[in-house]
Protein backbone atom coordinates (compact mmCIF):
# COMPACT_ATOMS: atom_id res chain seq x y z
CA UNK A 1 -7.48 32.37 2.98
CA UNK A 2 -3.71 31.85 3.10
CA UNK A 3 -3.99 31.49 6.90
CA UNK A 4 -6.63 28.86 6.46
CA UNK A 5 -4.39 27.15 3.87
CA UNK A 6 -1.26 27.30 6.20
CA UNK A 7 -3.54 25.57 8.92
CA UNK A 8 -4.47 22.85 6.91
CA UNK A 9 -0.95 22.16 5.66
CA UNK A 10 -0.12 22.14 9.43
CA UNK A 11 -2.85 19.83 10.56
CA UNK A 12 -2.31 17.59 7.61
CA UNK A 13 1.41 17.36 8.59
CA UNK A 14 0.69 16.67 12.21
CA UNK A 15 -1.75 13.84 11.24
CA UNK A 16 1.09 12.16 9.18
CA UNK A 17 3.44 12.70 11.89
CA UNK A 18 1.18 11.20 14.44
CA UNK A 19 0.49 8.12 12.15
CA UNK A 20 4.20 7.69 11.53
CA UNK A 21 5.42 7.84 14.80
CA UNK A 22 2.40 6.02 16.74
CA UNK A 23 0.70 3.77 14.12
CA UNK A 24 3.71 2.50 12.54
CA UNK A 25 5.06 0.65 15.65
CA UNK A 26 5.47 -2.94 14.24
CA UNK A 27 6.38 -4.35 10.96
CA UNK A 28 2.78 -5.65 10.69
CA UNK A 29 1.49 -2.12 10.89
CA UNK A 30 3.54 -1.30 8.04
CA UNK A 31 2.93 -3.93 5.63
CA UNK A 32 -0.07 -3.18 3.27
CA UNK A 33 -2.00 -6.24 1.72
CA UNK A 34 -5.46 -4.64 1.29
CA UNK A 35 -7.02 -3.02 -1.89
CA UNK A 36 -6.55 0.65 -2.66
CA UNK A 37 -9.14 2.85 -1.40
CA UNK A 38 -10.62 0.35 1.01
CA UNK A 39 -10.01 2.36 4.23
CA UNK A 40 -10.86 5.82 3.02
CA UNK A 41 -7.51 7.30 3.37
CA UNK A 42 -6.11 7.06 -0.28
CA UNK A 43 -2.98 9.47 0.62
CA UNK A 44 -1.89 6.97 3.36
CA UNK A 45 -2.72 3.53 1.34
CA UNK A 46 -0.94 4.69 -1.89
CA UNK A 47 2.01 5.94 0.32
CA UNK A 48 2.04 2.60 2.14
CA UNK A 49 1.84 0.78 -1.14
CA UNK A 50 4.97 2.71 -2.45
CA UNK A 51 7.08 2.19 0.71
CA UNK A 52 6.14 -1.22 0.98
CA UNK A 53 9.28 -2.64 -0.70
CA UNK A 54 11.61 -0.37 1.42
CA UNK A 55 12.84 -1.49 4.80
CA UNK A 56 10.80 -0.71 7.74
CA UNK A 57 13.07 1.97 9.41
CA UNK A 58 13.92 3.83 6.12
CA UNK A 59 10.11 3.79 5.31
CA UNK A 60 9.05 5.15 8.79
CA UNK A 61 12.01 7.93 8.22
CA UNK A 62 10.71 8.91 4.86
CA UNK A 63 7.15 9.11 6.24
CA UNK A 64 8.36 11.48 9.30
CA UNK A 65 10.21 13.72 6.71
CA UNK A 66 7.04 13.93 4.75
CA UNK A 67 5.18 15.04 7.66
CA UNK A 68 7.69 17.69 8.75
CA UNK A 69 7.57 19.08 5.22
CA UNK A 70 3.99 19.64 5.35
CA UNK A 71 4.43 21.35 8.66
CA UNK A 72 7.25 23.57 7.41
CA UNK A 73 5.28 24.15 4.32
CA UNK A 74 2.49 25.24 6.26
CA UNK A 75 4.22 27.63 8.43
CA UNK A 76 5.91 29.16 5.75
CA UNK A 77 2.40 29.84 3.86
CA UNK A 78 1.35 31.44 6.92
């Protein structure tokens, strides 16, 4: 069970890192003007609403740190 939980955390962190590195390339990708819950990715949408007030580079850095944290937590759990 611990192995499955660790693997899920690592995959989740990998998804967050992928999204922050490759999907947040322009300011337009970062600005969120949609309704919360409309795309199905509730965590991503709520995070973007929260980070919408920060400068672009700082917001991208915070998202990369969060993704790295999930990967490290998954490795620690395993």
